[in-house]
């Protein structure tokens, strides 16, 4: 999401990681070509407001007011600052504001009173599970149930994108309400449900395959002997934190059912690997090996779908 100096907001979104990276570099290059002074001062005030705590901003107000400000950037804050000729009045106002801010209830208190709800999208997987007292997020279970109920035979399920505005609306509802009914007519397009599920995994601060194990999974998929490769992948899966393991198990079991209907929905294990590879596992820091990583990401998901029973089964290694 990009917010311009004039206040316009633009949302760029894609399931294809290398396309997103191209967008990022193009936007960054455009910003870098701007005159240096324009880049530094164009949103100086907004940056400080966003990055500073309220009390810090009040403490720095006197220092900032001494900096020259262009005429067209005058705002209500500047007008109040320049018009407050009486130093005592200004200090008294600052003191009252500090007291007001310091008396605000904490985030934890607001959450306990139900005024602020814990977010589902964008939260760590273990945090969502701890809050729900489960090992698999309820939203993931609901999406899987909905897809298996009315989407197994749909052509291009998980590959076809749903309406982004409706997906964002569903995301908002999930974050704001405790009860969710995916049988409601507003979610009748199953591609909206699958799009929201993919978005949930894509927005995890740490992917379903933890960063700490990414390179080990990549090295495992490179092993030539199939039996050894499966054994190594199985061993890594068993090292996962319980929420990651249980969520991964139920998701891959679901995707197996999708692949079983390949003759109808045209979604093979390879197709599902292409869709879910970059969504479920990625390196913590992108490098020049992005295209190579994407190939391995797809192959890891494809193998785990093809050999699900051997990897997630209860048998001994």
C-alpha atoms as a PDB file:
ATOM      1  CA  UNK A   1       0.000   0.000   0.000  1.00  0.00           C
ATOM      2  CA  UNK A   2       1.358   3.407  -1.026  1.00  0.00           C
ATOM      3  CA  UNK A   3       0.249   6.788   0.324  1.00  0.00           C
ATOM      4  CA  UNK A   4       1.364   9.781  -1.747  1.00  0.00           C
ATOM      5  CA  UNK A   5       2.246  13.273  -0.535  1.00  0.00           C
ATOM      6  CA  UNK A   6      -1.174  14.480  -1.646  1.00  0.00           C
ATOM      7  CA  UNK A   7      -2.876  11.822   0.494  1.00  0.00           C
ATOM      8  CA  UNK A   8      -3.920   9.450  -2.301  1.00  0.00           C
ATOM      9  CA  UNK A   9      -3.682   5.753  -1.417  1.00  0.00           C
ATOM     10  CA  UNK A  10      -2.908   2.945  -3.857  1.00  0.00           C
ATOM     11  CA  UNK A  11      -3.003  -0.809  -3.201  1.00  0.00           C
ATOM     12  CA  UNK A  12      -0.849  -3.117  -5.345  1.00  0.00           C
ATOM     13  CA  UNK A  13      -1.385  -6.821  -4.779  1.00  0.00           C
ATOM     14  CA  UNK A  14      -0.329 -10.037  -6.474  1.00  0.00           C
ATOM     15  CA  UNK A  15       0.254 -13.687  -5.558  1.00  0.00           C
ATOM     16  CA  UNK A  16       3.439 -13.665  -7.658  1.00  0.00           C
ATOM     17  CA  UNK A  17       6.429 -12.732  -5.503  1.00  0.00           C
ATOM     18  CA  UNK A  18       8.828 -11.736  -8.281  1.00  0.00           C
ATOM     19  CA  UNK A  19       6.190  -9.386  -9.722  1.00  0.00           C
ATOM     20  CA  UNK A  20       5.791  -7.726  -6.302  1.00  0.00           C
ATOM     21  CA  UNK A  21       9.580  -7.349  -6.100  1.00  0.00           C
ATOM     22  CA  UNK A  22       9.620  -5.686  -9.541  1.00  0.00           C
ATOM     23  CA  UNK A  23       6.966  -3.222  -8.356  1.00  0.00           C
ATOM     24  CA  UNK A  24       8.976  -2.452  -5.233  1.00  0.00           C
ATOM     25  CA  UNK A  25      12.172  -1.759  -7.170  1.00  0.00           C
ATOM     26  CA  UNK A  26      10.335   0.396  -9.726  1.00  0.00           C
ATOM     27  CA  UNK A  27       8.724   2.508  -6.978  1.00  0.00           C
ATOM     28  CA  UNK A  28      11.989   2.778  -5.035  1.00  0.00           C
ATOM     29  CA  UNK A  29      13.879   3.874  -8.156  1.00  0.00           C
ATOM     30  CA  UNK A  30      11.239   6.523  -8.859  1.00  0.00           C
ATOM     31  CA  UNK A  31      11.585   7.864  -5.292  1.00  0.00           C
ATOM     32  CA  UNK A  32      15.384   7.841  -5.531  1.00  0.00           C
ATOM     33  CA  UNK A  33      15.219   9.982  -8.695  1.00  0.00           C
ATOM     34  CA  UNK A  34      13.349  12.750  -6.878  1.00  0.00           C
ATOM     35  CA  UNK A  35      15.390  15.828  -5.876  1.00  0.00           C
ATOM     36  CA  UNK A  36      16.975  15.201  -2.495  1.00  0.00           C
ATOM     37  CA  UNK A  37      15.371  18.211  -0.801  1.00  0.00           C
ATOM     38  CA  UNK A  38      11.924  17.210  -2.003  1.00  0.00           C
ATOM     39  CA  UNK A  39      12.319  13.692  -0.662  1.00  0.00           C
ATOM     40  CA  UNK A  40      13.460  14.871   2.739  1.00  0.00           C
ATOM     41  CA  UNK A  41      10.977  17.666   3.370  1.00  0.00           C
ATOM     42  CA  UNK A  42       7.875  16.720   1.412  1.00  0.00           C
ATOM     43  CA  UNK A  43       6.456  14.559   4.219  1.00  0.00           C
ATOM     44  CA  UNK A  44       8.681  15.605   7.093  1.00  0.00           C
ATOM     45  CA  UNK A  45       5.828  16.356   9.472  1.00  0.00           C
ATOM     46  CA  UNK A  46       3.835  13.214   8.628  1.00  0.00           C
ATOM     47  CA  UNK A  47       6.912  11.024   9.141  1.00  0.00           C
ATOM     48  CA  UNK A  48       7.581  12.471  12.561  1.00  0.00           C
ATOM     49  CA  UNK A  49       3.985  12.127  13.614  1.00  0.00           C
ATOM     50  CA  UNK A  50       3.920   8.500  12.575  1.00  0.00           C
ATOM     51  CA  UNK A  51       7.259   7.455  14.037  1.00  0.00           C
ATOM     52  CA  UNK A  52       7.198   9.351  17.329  1.00  0.00           C
ATOM     53  CA  UNK A  53       5.169   8.679  20.448  1.00  0.00           C
ATOM     54  CA  UNK A  54       2.764  11.425  21.452  1.00  0.00           C
ATOM     55  CA  UNK A  55       4.801  12.548  24.472  1.00  0.00           C
ATOM     56  CA  UNK A  56       8.062  12.571  22.506  1.00  0.00           C
ATOM     57  CA  UNK A  57       6.433  14.756  19.875  1.00  0.00           C
ATOM     58  CA  UNK A  58       5.320  17.244  22.524  1.00  0.00           C
ATOM     59  CA  UNK A  59       8.805  17.324  24.034  1.00  0.00           C
ATOM     60  CA  UNK A  60      10.308  18.030  20.617  1.00  0.00           C
ATOM     61  CA  UNK A  61       7.738  20.623  19.604  1.00  0.00           C
ATOM     62  CA  UNK A  62       9.843  23.588  20.705  1.00  0.00           C
ATOM     63  CA  UNK A  63      12.905  22.335  18.827  1.00  0.00           C
ATOM     64  CA  UNK A  64      10.969  21.602  15.647  1.00  0.00           C
ATOM     65  CA  UNK A  65       9.233  24.979  15.696  1.00  0.00           C
ATOM     66  CA  UNK A  66      12.597  26.671  15.195  1.00  0.00           C
ATOM     67  CA  UNK A  67      13.098  24.977  11.818  1.00  0.00           C
ATOM     68  CA  UNK A  68      12.065  27.050   8.774  1.00  0.00           C
ATOM     69  CA  UNK A  69       8.781  25.879   7.275  1.00  0.00           C
ATOM     70  CA  UNK A  70       7.644  26.676   3.704  1.00  0.00           C
ATOM     71  CA  UNK A  71       4.456  28.698   3.431  1.00  0.00           C
ATOM     72  CA  UNK A  72       2.444  25.984   1.683  1.00  0.00           C
ATOM     73  CA  UNK A  73       3.162  23.477   4.507  1.00  0.00           C
ATOM     74  CA  UNK A  74       1.502  25.558   7.223  1.00  0.00           C
ATOM     75  CA  UNK A  75      -0.980  23.483   9.201  1.00  0.00           C
ATOM     76  CA  UNK A  76      -3.131  23.878  12.261  1.00  0.00           C
ATOM     77  CA  UNK A  77      -0.231  22.705  14.467  1.00  0.00           C
ATOM     78  CA  UNK A  78       2.085  25.362  13.010  1.00  0.00           C
ATOM     79  CA  UNK A  79      -0.539  28.093  13.307  1.00  0.00           C
ATOM     80  CA  UNK A  80      -1.143  27.208  16.960  1.00  0.00           C
ATOM     81  CA  UNK A  81       2.587  27.064  17.577  1.00  0.00           C
ATOM     82  CA  UNK A  82       3.364  30.429  16.011  1.00  0.00           C
ATOM     83  CA  UNK A  83       0.327  32.164  17.472  1.00  0.00           C
ATOM     84  CA  UNK A  84       1.064  31.043  21.060  1.00  0.00           C
ATOM     85  CA  UNK A  85       3.191  34.036  21.975  1.00  0.00           C
ATOM     86  CA  UNK A  86       2.774  33.409  25.675  1.00  0.00           C
ATOM     87  CA  UNK A  87       5.351  30.789  26.663  1.00  0.00           C
ATOM     88  CA  UNK A  88       3.588  29.994  29.921  1.00  0.00           C
ATOM     89  CA  UNK A  89       0.324  29.221  28.143  1.00  0.00           C
ATOM     90  CA  UNK A  90       2.116  26.943  25.723  1.00  0.00           C
ATOM     91  CA  UNK A  91       3.863  25.051  28.524  1.00  0.00           C
ATOM     92  CA  UNK A  92       0.583  24.704  30.416  1.00  0.00           C
ATOM     93  CA  UNK A  93      -1.113  23.222  27.341  1.00  0.00           C
ATOM     94  CA  UNK A  94       1.751  20.788  26.859  1.00  0.00           C
ATOM     95  CA  UNK A  95       1.564  19.764  30.505  1.00  0.00           C
ATOM     96  CA  UNK A  96      -2.158  19.072  30.280  1.00  0.00           C
ATOM     97  CA  UNK A  97      -1.731  17.053  27.098  1.00  0.00           C
ATOM     98  CA  UNK A  98       1.016  14.971  28.713  1.00  0.00           C
ATOM     99  CA  UNK A  99      -1.225  14.212  31.695  1.00  0.00           C
ATOM    100  CA  UNK A 100      -4.083  13.285  29.379  1.00  0.00           C
ATOM    101  CA  UNK A 101      -1.889  10.953  27.324  1.00  0.00           C
ATOM    102  CA  UNK A 102      -0.306   9.354  30.405  1.00  0.00           C
ATOM    103  CA  UNK A 103      -3.776   8.546  31.804  1.00  0.00           C
ATOM    104  CA  UNK A 104      -4.893   6.696  28.693  1.00  0.00           C
ATOM    105  CA  UNK A 105      -5.724   3.014  29.349  1.00  0.00           C
ATOM    106  CA  UNK A 106      -3.154   0.517  28.145  1.00  0.00           C
ATOM    107  CA  UNK A 107      -3.662  -1.596  25.027  1.00  0.00           C
ATOM    108  CA  UNK A 108      -4.057  -4.678  27.237  1.00  0.00           C
ATOM    109  CA  UNK A 109      -6.833  -2.971  29.234  1.00  0.00           C
ATOM    110  CA  UNK A 110      -8.681  -1.974  26.071  1.00  0.00           C
ATOM    111  CA  UNK A 111      -8.394  -5.544  24.758  1.00  0.00           C
ATOM    112  CA  UNK A 112      -9.671  -6.991  28.045  1.00  0.00           C
ATOM    113  CA  UNK A 113     -12.706  -4.684  27.894  1.00  0.00           C
ATOM    114  CA  UNK A 114     -13.354  -5.753  24.300  1.00  0.00           C
ATOM    115  CA  UNK A 115     -12.830  -2.236  22.919  1.00  0.00           C
ATOM    116  CA  UNK A 116      -9.895  -3.423  20.804  1.00  0.00           C
ATOM    117  CA  UNK A 117      -9.993  -6.950  19.391  1.00  0.00           C
ATOM    118  CA  UNK A 118      -6.956  -9.084  18.655  1.00  0.00           C
ATOM    119  CA  UNK A 119      -6.254  -9.144  14.940  1.00  0.00           C
ATOM    120  CA  UNK A 120      -6.356 -12.451  13.056  1.00  0.00           C
ATOM    121  CA  UNK A 121      -4.721 -11.287   9.831  1.00  0.00           C
ATOM    122  CA  UNK A 122      -1.146 -10.115  10.257  1.00  0.00           C
ATOM    123  CA  UNK A 123      -0.646 -11.743  13.674  1.00  0.00           C
ATOM    124  CA  UNK A 124       1.818 -14.496  14.479  1.00  0.00           C
ATOM    125  CA  UNK A 125       0.344 -17.974  14.132  1.00  0.00           C
ATOM    126  CA  UNK A 126       1.144 -18.941  17.726  1.00  0.00           C
ATOM    127  CA  UNK A 127      -0.505 -15.720  18.990  1.00  0.00           C
ATOM    128  CA  UNK A 128      -3.756 -16.475  17.149  1.00  0.00           C
ATOM    129  CA  UNK A 129      -3.757 -20.053  18.443  1.00  0.00           C
ATOM    130  CA  UNK A 130      -3.011 -18.969  22.020  1.00  0.00           C
ATOM    131  CA  UNK A 131      -5.852 -16.451  21.912  1.00  0.00           C
ATOM    132  CA  UNK A 132      -8.268 -19.061  20.558  1.00  0.00           C
ATOM    133  CA  UNK A 133      -6.874 -21.817  22.815  1.00  0.00           C
ATOM    134  CA  UNK A 134      -6.367 -24.070  19.802  1.00  0.00           C
ATOM    135  CA  UNK A 135      -3.580 -25.402  17.597  1.00  0.00           C
ATOM    136  CA  UNK A 136      -5.216 -24.433  14.282  1.00  0.00           C
ATOM    137  CA  UNK A 137      -6.772 -20.982  13.706  1.00  0.00           C
ATOM    138  CA  UNK A 138     -10.562 -21.152  13.537  1.00  0.00           C
ATOM    139  CA  UNK A 139     -10.554 -19.054  10.358  1.00  0.00           C
ATOM    140  CA  UNK A 140      -8.386 -21.658   8.602  1.00  0.00           C
ATOM    141  CA  UNK A 141     -10.768 -24.443   9.636  1.00  0.00           C
ATOM    142  CA  UNK A 142     -13.827 -22.478   8.453  1.00  0.00           C
ATOM    143  CA  UNK A 143     -12.281 -21.732   5.051  1.00  0.00           C
ATOM    144  CA  UNK A 144     -11.277 -25.365   4.531  1.00  0.00           C
ATOM    145  CA  UNK A 145     -14.773 -26.549   5.482  1.00  0.00           C
ATOM    146  CA  UNK A 146     -16.362 -24.065   3.073  1.00  0.00           C
ATOM    147  CA  UNK A 147     -14.104 -25.063   0.170  1.00  0.00           C
ATOM    148  CA  UNK A 148     -14.639 -28.775   0.753  1.00  0.00           C
ATOM    149  CA  UNK A 149     -18.374 -28.162   0.945  1.00  0.00           C
ATOM    150  CA  UNK A 150     -18.765 -26.185  -2.281  1.00  0.00           C
ATOM    151  CA  UNK A 151     -15.449 -25.757  -4.047  1.00  0.00           C
ATOM    152  CA  UNK A 152     -13.747 -29.115  -4.709  1.00  0.00           C
ATOM    153  CA  UNK A 153     -15.177 -29.306  -8.228  1.00  0.00           C
ATOM    154  CA  UNK A 154     -14.629 -25.645  -9.134  1.00  0.00           C
ATOM    155  CA  UNK A 155     -12.316 -25.086 -12.095  1.00  0.00           C
ATOM    156  CA  UNK A 156      -9.059 -23.446 -10.995  1.00  0.00           C
ATOM    157  CA  UNK A 157      -9.843 -23.473  -7.277  1.00  0.00           C
ATOM    158  CA  UNK A 158      -7.061 -21.578  -5.423  1.00  0.00           C
ATOM    159  CA  UNK A 159      -5.539 -20.523  -8.755  1.00  0.00           C
ATOM    160  CA  UNK A 160      -8.361 -18.184  -9.817  1.00  0.00           C
ATOM    161  CA  UNK A 161      -8.416 -14.895  -7.911  1.00  0.00           C
ATOM    162  CA  UNK A 162     -11.538 -13.630  -6.169  1.00  0.00           C
ATOM    163  CA  UNK A 163     -12.746 -10.029  -6.094  1.00  0.00           C
ATOM    164  CA  UNK A 164     -10.100  -8.148  -4.094  1.00  0.00           C
ATOM    165  CA  UNK A 165     -12.558  -5.651  -2.596  1.00  0.00           C
ATOM    166  CA  UNK A 166     -14.737  -8.489  -1.279  1.00  0.00           C
ATOM    167  CA  UNK A 167     -11.676 -10.338   0.047  1.00  0.00           C
ATOM    168  CA  UNK A 168     -10.629  -7.189   1.919  1.00  0.00           C
ATOM    169  CA  UNK A 169     -14.165  -6.885   3.288  1.00  0.00           C
ATOM    170  CA  UNK A 170     -13.985 -10.491   4.551  1.00  0.00           C
ATOM    171  CA  UNK A 171     -10.595  -9.737   6.084  1.00  0.00           C
ATOM    172  CA  UNK A 172     -12.096  -6.762   7.941  1.00  0.00           C
ATOM    173  CA  UNK A 173     -15.029  -8.857   9.205  1.00  0.00           C
ATOM    174  CA  UNK A 174     -12.695 -11.601  10.464  1.00  0.00           C
ATOM    175  CA  UNK A 175     -10.586  -9.055  12.358  1.00  0.00           C
ATOM    176  CA  UNK A 176     -13.610  -7.318  13.901  1.00  0.00           C
ATOM    177  CA  UNK A 177     -16.115 -10.070  14.654  1.00  0.00           C
ATOM    178  CA  UNK A 178     -15.792 -13.288  16.631  1.00  0.00           C
ATOM    179  CA  UNK A 179     -18.445 -15.209  14.704  1.00  0.00           C
ATOM    180  CA  UNK A 180     -18.121 -15.763  10.973  1.00  0.00           C
ATOM    181  CA  UNK A 181     -20.613 -17.435   8.663  1.00  0.00           C
ATOM    182  CA  UNK A 182     -19.004 -18.257   5.328  1.00  0.00           C
ATOM    183  CA  UNK A 183     -22.359 -19.584   4.084  1.00  0.00           C
ATOM    184  CA  UNK A 184     -23.625 -15.990   4.039  1.00  0.00           C
ATOM    185  CA  UNK A 185     -24.584 -14.869   0.523  1.00  0.00           C
ATOM    186  CA  UNK A 186     -21.944 -12.125   0.492  1.00  0.00           C
ATOM    187  CA  UNK A 187     -19.246 -14.842   0.504  1.00  0.00           C
ATOM    188  CA  UNK A 188     -20.969 -17.045  -2.100  1.00  0.00           C
ATOM    189  CA  UNK A 189     -18.025 -16.707  -4.511  1.00  0.00           C
ATOM    190  CA  UNK A 190     -15.749 -19.510  -3.305  1.00  0.00           C
ATOM    191  CA  UNK A 191     -12.753 -17.727  -4.862  1.00  0.00           C
ATOM    192  CA  UNK A 192     -13.231 -14.982  -2.265  1.00  0.00           C
ATOM    193  CA  UNK A 193     -12.874 -17.594   0.498  1.00  0.00           C
ATOM    194  CA  UNK A 194      -9.765 -19.161  -1.057  1.00  0.00           C
ATOM    195  CA  UNK A 195      -8.314 -15.695  -1.707  1.00  0.00           C
ATOM    196  CA  UNK A 196      -8.812 -14.740   1.947  1.00  0.00           C
ATOM    197  CA  UNK A 197      -7.214 -17.994   3.132  1.00  0.00           C
ATOM    198  CA  UNK A 198      -4.158 -17.389   0.940  1.00  0.00           C
ATOM    199  CA  UNK A 199      -4.006 -13.801   2.212  1.00  0.00           C
ATOM    200  CA  UNK A 200      -4.052 -15.042   5.820  1.00  0.00           C
ATOM    201  CA  UNK A 201      -0.982 -17.205   5.221  1.00  0.00           C
ATOM    202  CA  UNK A 202       0.716 -14.531   3.113  1.00  0.00           C
ATOM    203  CA  UNK A 203       0.319 -11.916   5.879  1.00  0.00           C
ATOM    204  CA  UNK A 204       1.760 -14.059   8.668  1.00  0.00           C
ATOM    205  CA  UNK A 205       4.783 -12.131  10.044  1.00  0.00           C
ATOM    206  CA  UNK A 206       6.643 -15.450   9.899  1.00  0.00           C
ATOM    207  CA  UNK A 207       5.467 -17.966   7.295  1.00  0.00           C
ATOM    208  CA  UNK A 208       3.981 -21.369   8.075  1.00  0.00           C
ATOM    209  CA  UNK A 209       7.424 -22.852   7.338  1.00  0.00           C
ATOM    210  CA  UNK A 210       9.550 -20.917   9.889  1.00  0.00           C
ATOM    211  CA  UNK A 211      12.465 -18.834   8.642  1.00  0.00           C
ATOM    212  CA  UNK A 212      14.862 -20.877  10.776  1.00  0.00           C
ATOM    213  CA  UNK A 213      14.089 -24.026   8.772  1.00  0.00           C
ATOM    214  CA  UNK A 214      13.832 -22.539   5.282  1.00  0.00           C
ATOM    215  CA  UNK A 215      17.377 -23.369   4.142  1.00  0.00           C
ATOM    216  CA  UNK A 216      17.108 -26.871   5.619  1.00  0.00           C
ATOM    217  CA  UNK A 217      13.928 -27.544   3.621  1.00  0.00           C
ATOM    218  CA  UNK A 218      15.652 -26.260   0.465  1.00  0.00           C
ATOM    219  CA  UNK A 219      18.658 -28.518   1.064  1.00  0.00           C
ATOM    220  CA  UNK A 220      16.325 -31.465   1.686  1.00  0.00           C
ATOM    221  CA  UNK A 221      14.450 -31.033  -1.612  1.00  0.00           C
ATOM    222  CA  UNK A 222      17.789 -31.060  -3.464  1.00  0.00           C
ATOM    223  CA  UNK A 223      18.520 -34.634  -2.316  1.00  0.00           C
ATOM    224  CA  UNK A 224      18.448 -36.957  -5.338  1.00  0.00           C
ATOM    225  CA  UNK A 225      17.369 -40.181  -3.628  1.00  0.00           C
ATOM    226  CA  UNK A 226      13.593 -39.977  -3.182  1.00  0.00           C
ATOM    227  CA  UNK A 227      13.392 -42.100  -0.017  1.00  0.00           C
ATOM    228  CA  UNK A 228      16.125 -40.068   1.687  1.00  0.00           C
ATOM    229  CA  UNK A 229      14.502 -36.819   0.543  1.00  0.00           C
ATOM    230  CA  UNK A 230      11.131 -37.821   2.030  1.00  0.00           C
ATOM    231  CA  UNK A 231      12.764 -38.948   5.283  1.00  0.00           C
ATOM    232  CA  UNK A 232      14.595 -35.630   5.605  1.00  0.00           C
ATOM    233  CA  UNK A 233      11.454 -33.578   4.919  1.00  0.00           C
ATOM    234  CA  UNK A 234       9.523 -35.671   7.456  1.00  0.00           C
ATOM    235  CA  UNK A 235      12.231 -35.047  10.058  1.00  0.00           C
ATOM    236  CA  UNK A 236      12.059 -31.282   9.486  1.00  0.00           C
ATOM    237  CA  UNK A 237       8.258 -31.263   9.690  1.00  0.00           C
ATOM    238  CA  UNK A 238       8.462 -32.948  13.092  1.00  0.00           C
ATOM    239  CA  UNK A 239      10.657 -30.072  14.327  1.00  0.00           C
ATOM    240  CA  UNK A 240       7.914 -27.514  13.678  1.00  0.00           C
ATOM    241  CA  UNK A 241       6.189 -25.746  16.587  1.00  0.00           C
ATOM    242  CA  UNK A 242       2.877 -27.433  17.317  1.00  0.00           C
ATOM    243  CA  UNK A 243       0.613 -24.692  15.812  1.00  0.00           C
ATOM    244  CA  UNK A 244       2.696 -24.772  12.611  1.00  0.00           C
ATOM    245  CA  UNK A 245       2.641 -28.566  12.458  1.00  0.00           C
ATOM    246  CA  UNK A 246      -1.088 -28.959  13.132  1.00  0.00           C
ATOM    247  CA  UNK A 247      -2.050 -26.132  10.755  1.00  0.00           C
ATOM    248  CA  UNK A 248       0.234 -27.486   8.047  1.00  0.00           C
ATOM    249  CA  UNK A 249      -1.150 -30.997   8.484  1.00  0.00           C
ATOM    250  CA  UNK A 250      -4.790 -29.941   8.120  1.00  0.00           C
ATOM    251  CA  UNK A 251      -3.985 -27.615   5.193  1.00  0.00           C
ATOM    252  CA  UNK A 252      -2.044 -30.239   3.214  1.00  0.00           C
ATOM    253  CA  UNK A 253      -4.712 -32.849   3.935  1.00  0.00           C
ATOM    254  CA  UNK A 254      -7.222 -30.408   2.450  1.00  0.00           C
ATOM    255  CA  UNK A 255      -5.036 -29.683  -0.592  1.00  0.00           C
ATOM    256  CA  UNK A 256      -4.748 -33.421  -1.157  1.00  0.00           C
ATOM    257  CA  UNK A 257      -8.530 -33.534  -1.573  1.00  0.00           C
ATOM    258  CA  UNK A 258      -8.254 -30.706  -4.102  1.00  0.00           C
ATOM    259  CA  UNK A 259      -5.605 -32.600  -6.088  1.00  0.00           C
ATOM    260  CA  UNK A 260      -7.727 -35.776  -5.987  1.00  0.00           C
ATOM    261  CA  UNK A 261     -10.338 -33.903  -8.068  1.00  0.00           C
ATOM    262  CA  UNK A 262      -7.770 -32.801 -10.652  1.00  0.00           C
ATOM    263  CA  UNK A 263      -9.807 -34.227 -13.542  1.00  0.00           C
ATOM    264  CA  UNK A 264     -12.599 -31.783 -12.660  1.00  0.00           C
ATOM    265  CA  UNK A 265     -10.935 -28.730 -11.114  1.00  0.00           C
ATOM    266  CA  UNK A 266      -7.698 -28.959 -13.166  1.00  0.00           C
ATOM    267  CA  UNK A 267      -5.563 -28.408 -10.057  1.00  0.00           C
ATOM    268  CA  UNK A 268      -2.725 -30.940  -9.863  1.00  0.00           C
ATOM    269  CA  UNK A 269      -0.168 -31.193  -7.058  1.00  0.00           C
ATOM    270  CA  UNK A 270       2.188 -29.246  -9.319  1.00  0.00           C
ATOM    271  CA  UNK A 271      -0.383 -26.457  -9.793  1.00  0.00           C
ATOM    272  CA  UNK A 272      -1.007 -26.290  -6.053  1.00  0.00           C
ATOM    273  CA  UNK A 273       2.750 -26.183  -5.460  1.00  0.00           C
ATOM    274  CA  UNK A 274       3.025 -23.153  -7.732  1.00  0.00           C
ATOM    275  CA  UNK A 275       0.174 -21.398  -5.900  1.00  0.00           C
ATOM    276  CA  UNK A 276       1.159 -22.210  -2.319  1.00  0.00           C
ATOM    277  CA  UNK A 277       4.963 -22.506  -2.524  1.00  0.00           C
ATOM    278  CA  UNK A 278       5.807 -18.782  -2.192  1.00  0.00           C
ATOM    279  CA  UNK A 279       2.862 -18.259   0.192  1.00  0.00           C
ATOM    280  CA  UNK A 280       3.843 -20.874   2.773  1.00  0.00           C
ATOM    281  CA  UNK A 281       7.630 -20.641   2.792  1.00  0.00           C
ATOM    282  CA  UNK A 282      10.082 -17.911   1.927  1.00  0.00           C
ATOM    283  CA  UNK A 283      13.543 -16.772   3.089  1.00  0.00           C
ATOM    284  CA  UNK A 284      13.733 -14.131   5.792  1.00  0.00           C
ATOM    285  CA  UNK A 285      15.833 -11.916   3.510  1.00  0.00           C
ATOM    286  CA  UNK A 286      15.367 -11.924  -0.245  1.00  0.00           C
ATOM    287  CA  UNK A 287      18.532 -12.506  -2.247  1.00  0.00           C
ATOM    288  CA  UNK A 288      19.490 -12.734  -5.893  1.00  0.00           C
ATOM    289  CA  UNK A 289      18.418 -16.400  -5.828  1.00  0.00           C
ATOM    290  CA  UNK A 290      14.727 -15.484  -5.769  1.00  0.00           C
ATOM    291  CA  UNK A 291      13.819 -17.399  -8.954  1.00  0.00           C
ATOM    292  CA  UNK A 292      15.751 -20.469  -7.771  1.00  0.00           C
ATOM    293  CA  UNK A 293      14.124 -20.293  -4.349  1.00  0.00           C
ATOM    294  CA  UNK A 294      10.687 -20.107  -5.948  1.00  0.00           C
ATOM    295  CA  UNK A 295      11.384 -23.315  -7.870  1.00  0.00           C
ATOM    296  CA  UNK A 296      12.376 -25.119  -4.652  1.00  0.00           C
ATOM    297  CA  UNK A 297       9.395 -23.657  -2.769  1.00  0.00           C
ATOM    298  CA  UNK A 298       7.035 -25.128  -5.361  1.00  0.00           C
ATOM    299  CA  UNK A 299       8.800 -28.485  -5.334  1.00  0.00           C
ATOM    300  CA  UNK A 300       8.663 -28.744  -1.529  1.00  0.00           C
ATOM    301  CA  UNK A 301       4.886 -28.214  -1.473  1.00  0.00           C
ATOM    302  CA  UNK A 302       4.391 -30.599  -4.400  1.00  0.00           C
ATOM    303  CA  UNK A 303       6.431 -33.351  -2.723  1.00  0.00           C
ATOM    304  CA  UNK A 304       4.634 -32.949   0.598  1.00  0.00           C
ATOM    305  CA  UNK A 305       1.283 -33.287  -1.174  1.00  0.00           C
ATOM    306  CA  UNK A 306       2.378 -36.320  -3.177  1.00  0.00           C
ATOM    307  CA  UNK A 307       3.924 -38.042  -0.142  1.00  0.00           C
ATOM    308  CA  UNK A 308       1.503 -36.752   2.503  1.00  0.00           C
ATOM    309  CA  UNK A 309       0.958 -40.087   4.256  1.00  0.00           C
ATOM    310  CA  UNK A 310       4.700 -40.767   4.560  1.00  0.00           C
ATOM    311  CA  UNK A 311       5.504 -37.268   5.833  1.00  0.00           C
ATOM    312  CA  UNK A 312       2.580 -36.735   8.237  1.00  0.00           C
ATOM    313  CA  UNK A 313       1.845 -40.381   9.029  1.00  0.00           C
ATOM    314  CA  UNK A 314       2.331 -41.801  12.516  1.00  0.00           C
ATOM    315  CA  UNK A 315       4.843 -44.471  11.462  1.00  0.00           C
ATOM    316  CA  UNK A 316       8.438 -44.387  12.698  1.00  0.00           C
ATOM    317  CA  UNK A 317      11.258 -43.092  10.490  1.00  0.00           C
END
